[in-house]
Amino acid sequence: MADVSAQKNYEELCANYEQMELDGNASGEVYTQLLAVYLYQNDTCNAKFLWKRTPDEIKVSTPELAKLWNVGCHMWKRDFPSIYTAMKEEWSPTVQPIITALQEKLQRRAFDLVSNAYTSIRADDLALLMGVTTEAAVNAAVSSGWTNDPATGMITPKMTEPTQKEIPLTSEQELALLTDYVSFLEN
């Protein structure tokens, strides 16, 4: 529930900062926080475009903006270990909560991706993907019902049932969907 309210707050913050930029009232702090929010939202495309359109004098006068863009570059490349290393920088009080939320979100996302994509993974590799120590990764995995084999260093994710079973489309539904696509492309 807290994640939903945080997401809503970040959406409002994003809209306010975007408007300030459009009005020409954006300071270095506004650009920095807007970039941080884009990264929190995993909107690396908008983050990249924001960096490109940020005036050079603001880039030079706001070193925290460049540090944040470094995080964004690693996110763009999906280099999780480098993302976590870049996030260990010293952040201002206005950006720190966003960085903390981003780190938690990235760790949860990496954990969920591993649980859905792997039948087993080395504990060290899971720790790298989550940006934590091997012990913390093993503890998180075991507390989520995964099995740990200390002898091999392998962790096996808990198999979960898909929440929604895919219902096959009828021929009529497939034809209607295809018609909608073609109609959209023609218009």
Protein backbone atom coordinates (compact mmCIF):
# COMPACT_ATOMS: atom_id res chain seq x y z
CA MET A 1 0.00 0.00 0.00
CA ALA A 2 2.84 2.38 0.80
CA ASP A 3 4.31 1.64 -2.63
CA VAL A 4 1.07 2.73 -4.31
CA SER A 5 0.95 6.02 -2.38
CA ALA A 6 4.65 6.62 -3.08
CA GLN A 7 4.04 5.98 -6.77
CA LYS A 8 1.17 8.50 -6.76
CA ASN A 9 3.33 11.07 -4.96
CA TYR A 10 6.12 10.61 -7.49
CA GLU A 11 3.66 10.97 -10.37
CA GLU A 12 2.42 14.27 -8.92
CA LEU A 13 5.98 15.44 -8.29
CA CYS A 14 6.89 14.51 -11.86
CA ALA A 15 3.94 16.43 -13.31
CA ASN A 16 4.78 19.51 -11.21
CA TYR A 17 8.44 19.48 -12.22
CA GLU A 18 7.61 18.91 -15.88
CA GLN A 19 5.32 21.93 -15.75
CA MET A 20 8.02 24.02 -14.08
CA GLU A 21 10.42 23.04 -16.87
CA LEU A 22 7.85 23.95 -19.53
CA ASP A 23 7.27 27.31 -17.84
CA GLY A 24 11.02 28.00 -17.84
CA ASN A 25 11.19 28.03 -14.03
CA ALA A 26 13.32 24.91 -13.59
CA SER A 27 16.41 25.17 -11.42
CA GLY A 28 19.18 22.61 -11.06
CA GLU A 29 17.33 21.08 -8.13
CA VAL A 30 14.16 20.68 -10.23
CA TYR A 31 16.11 18.96 -13.01
CA THR A 32 17.81 16.72 -10.46
CA GLN A 33 14.60 15.66 -8.76
CA LEU A 34 12.81 15.19 -12.08
CA LEU A 35 15.63 12.95 -13.29
CA ALA A 36 15.47 10.98 -10.03
CA VAL A 37 11.72 10.50 -10.42
CA TYR A 38 12.12 9.34 -14.03
CA LEU A 39 14.66 6.79 -12.86
CA TYR A 40 12.34 5.67 -10.05
CA GLN A 41 9.60 5.18 -12.64
CA ASN A 42 12.06 3.19 -14.78
CA ASP A 43 11.45 5.72 -17.54
CA THR A 44 14.97 5.73 -18.90
CA CYS A 45 13.87 7.21 -22.23
CA ASN A 46 12.49 10.36 -20.61
CA ALA A 47 15.51 10.46 -18.31
CA LYS A 48 17.82 10.40 -21.31
CA PHE A 49 15.88 13.14 -23.11
CA LEU A 50 15.82 15.24 -19.93
CA TRP A 51 19.61 14.95 -19.67
CA LYS A 52 20.02 15.98 -23.30
CA ARG A 53 17.79 19.06 -22.99
CA THR A 54 19.16 20.19 -19.62
CA PRO A 55 21.11 23.42 -20.17
CA ASP A 56 24.88 23.00 -19.92
CA GLU A 57 25.18 25.68 -17.24
CA ILE A 58 22.83 23.68 -15.00
CA LYS A 59 24.77 20.47 -15.67
CA VAL A 60 27.98 22.23 -14.63
CA SER A 61 26.50 24.00 -11.59
CA THR A 62 24.66 20.91 -10.28
CA PRO A 63 27.14 18.06 -9.74
CA GLU A 64 24.46 15.86 -8.18
CA LEU A 65 22.65 15.87 -11.52
CA ALA A 66 25.69 14.30 -13.21
CA LYS A 67 25.97 11.68 -10.46
CA LEU A 68 22.31 10.85 -10.95
CA TRP A 69 22.75 10.62 -14.71
CA ASN A 70 25.53 8.11 -14.05
CA VAL A 71 22.92 5.93 -12.31
CA GLY A 72 20.65 6.43 -15.32
CA CYS A 73 23.37 5.36 -17.76
CA HIS A 74 23.84 2.10 -15.85
CA MET A 75 20.07 1.57 -15.77
CA TRP A 76 19.96 2.12 -19.53
CA LYS A 77 22.54 -0.66 -19.94
CA ARG A 78 20.82 -2.82 -17.28
CA ASP A 79 24.12 -3.12 -15.44
CA PHE A 80 22.72 -3.88 -11.99
CA PRO A 81 26.00 -4.11 -10.05
CA SER A 82 27.10 -0.72 -11.42
CA ILE A 83 23.68 0.80 -10.66
CA TYR A 84 24.02 -0.12 -6.99
CA THR A 85 27.62 1.13 -6.87
CA ALA A 86 26.59 4.47 -8.38
CA MET A 87 23.71 4.79 -5.89
CA LYS A 88 26.14 4.59 -2.95
CA GLU A 89 27.13 8.22 -3.60
CA GLU A 90 26.29 10.97 -1.13
CA TRP A 91 22.88 12.47 -2.00
CA SER A 92 21.09 15.62 -0.91
CA PRO A 93 18.16 15.30 1.52
CA THR A 94 15.67 15.98 -1.30
CA VAL A 95 17.06 13.24 -3.58
CA GLN A 96 18.01 10.61 -0.96
CA PRO A 97 14.42 9.35 -0.37
CA ILE A 98 13.95 8.85 -4.12
CA ILE A 99 17.27 7.00 -4.39
CA THR A 100 16.33 4.78 -1.44
CA ALA A 101 12.94 4.00 -3.01
CA LEU A 102 14.63 3.34 -6.37
CA GLN A 103 17.09 0.92 -4.79
CA GLU A 104 14.32 -1.00 -3.02
CA LYS A 105 12.28 -1.12 -6.22
CA LEU A 106 15.25 -2.37 -8.28
CA GLN A 107 16.06 -5.03 -5.69
CA ARG A 108 12.45 -6.25 -5.66
CA ARG A 109 12.33 -6.25 -9.46
CA ALA A 110 15.59 -8.21 -9.75
CA PHE A 111 14.37 -10.70 -7.14
CA ASP A 112 11.05 -11.16 -8.95
CA LEU A 113 12.75 -11.53 -12.34
CA VAL A 114 15.05 -14.21 -10.98
CA SER A 115 12.16 -16.06 -9.37
CA ASN A 116 10.31 -16.13 -12.71
CA ALA A 117 13.24 -16.76 -15.04
CA TYR A 118 15.61 -19.12 -13.21
CA THR A 119 15.28 -22.68 -12.00
CA SER A 120 18.40 -22.10 -9.89
CA ILE A 121 21.01 -19.39 -9.46
CA ARG A 122 24.29 -19.02 -7.64
CA ALA A 123 23.88 -17.07 -4.41
CA ASP A 124 26.72 -14.75 -5.46
CA ASP A 125 24.95 -13.93 -8.73
CA LEU A 126 21.67 -13.17 -6.95
CA ALA A 127 23.57 -10.90 -4.57
CA LEU A 128 25.09 -9.01 -7.54
CA LEU A 129 21.68 -8.56 -9.16
CA MET A 130 20.21 -7.27 -5.91
CA GLY A 131 23.18 -5.15 -4.83
CA VAL A 132 23.44 -6.81 -1.44
CA THR A 133 25.80 -9.19 0.31
CA THR A 134 25.57 -12.90 -0.45
CA GLU A 135 24.29 -13.53 3.07
CA ALA A 136 21.52 -10.94 2.65
CA ALA A 137 20.53 -12.42 -0.73
CA VAL A 138 20.37 -15.93 0.76
CA ASN A 139 18.32 -14.66 3.71
CA ALA A 140 15.88 -12.89 1.36
CA ALA A 141 15.56 -16.00 -0.77
CA VAL A 142 15.05 -18.38 2.14
CA SER A 143 12.48 -16.06 3.74
CA SER A 144 10.56 -16.16 0.44
CA GLY A 145 10.44 -19.94 0.49
CA TRP A 146 13.38 -20.60 -1.83
CA THR A 147 15.71 -23.49 -1.12
CA ASN A 148 19.39 -22.92 -0.42
CA ASP A 149 22.12 -25.52 -0.93
CA PRO A 150 25.17 -24.23 0.96
CA ALA A 151 27.34 -27.05 -0.42
CA THR A 152 26.94 -25.89 -4.03
CA GLY A 153 26.11 -22.24 -3.32
CA MET A 154 22.96 -22.58 -5.42
CA ILE A 155 19.54 -21.17 -4.61
CA THR A 156 16.36 -22.58 -6.14
CA PRO A 157 13.40 -20.20 -6.45
CA LYS A 158 10.05 -21.33 -5.14
CA MET A 159 7.86 -22.33 -8.02
CA THR A 160 4.65 -20.34 -8.09
CA GLU A 161 1.48 -20.93 -10.00
CA PRO A 162 0.68 -18.31 -12.60
CA THR A 163 -1.92 -15.92 -11.23
CA GLN A 164 -3.90 -15.81 -14.44
CA LYS A 165 -4.17 -18.69 -16.86
CA GLU A 166 -4.11 -17.69 -20.48
CA ILE A 167 -7.46 -18.25 -22.10
CA PRO A 168 -7.17 -19.12 -25.77
CA LEU A 169 -8.96 -16.79 -28.17
CA THR A 170 -11.66 -18.10 -30.43
CA SER A 171 -11.28 -17.71 -34.17
CA GLU A 172 -13.82 -14.89 -34.13
CA GLN A 173 -11.90 -13.05 -31.40
CA GLU A 174 -8.62 -13.47 -33.29
CA LEU A 175 -10.23 -12.15 -36.48
CA ALA A 176 -11.72 -9.17 -34.64
CA LEU A 177 -8.34 -8.39 -33.08
CA LEU A 178 -6.58 -8.63 -36.42
CA THR A 179 -9.24 -6.39 -38.01
CA ASP A 180 -8.69 -3.80 -35.27
CA TYR A 181 -4.93 -3.85 -35.86
CA VAL A 182 -5.28 -3.46 -39.63
CA SER A 183 -7.85 -0.70 -39.22
CA PHE A 184 -5.55 1.12 -36.82
CA LEU A 185 -2.60 0.85 -39.19
CA GLU A 186 -4.63 2.14 -42.15
CA ASN A 187 -5.85 5.19 -40.23
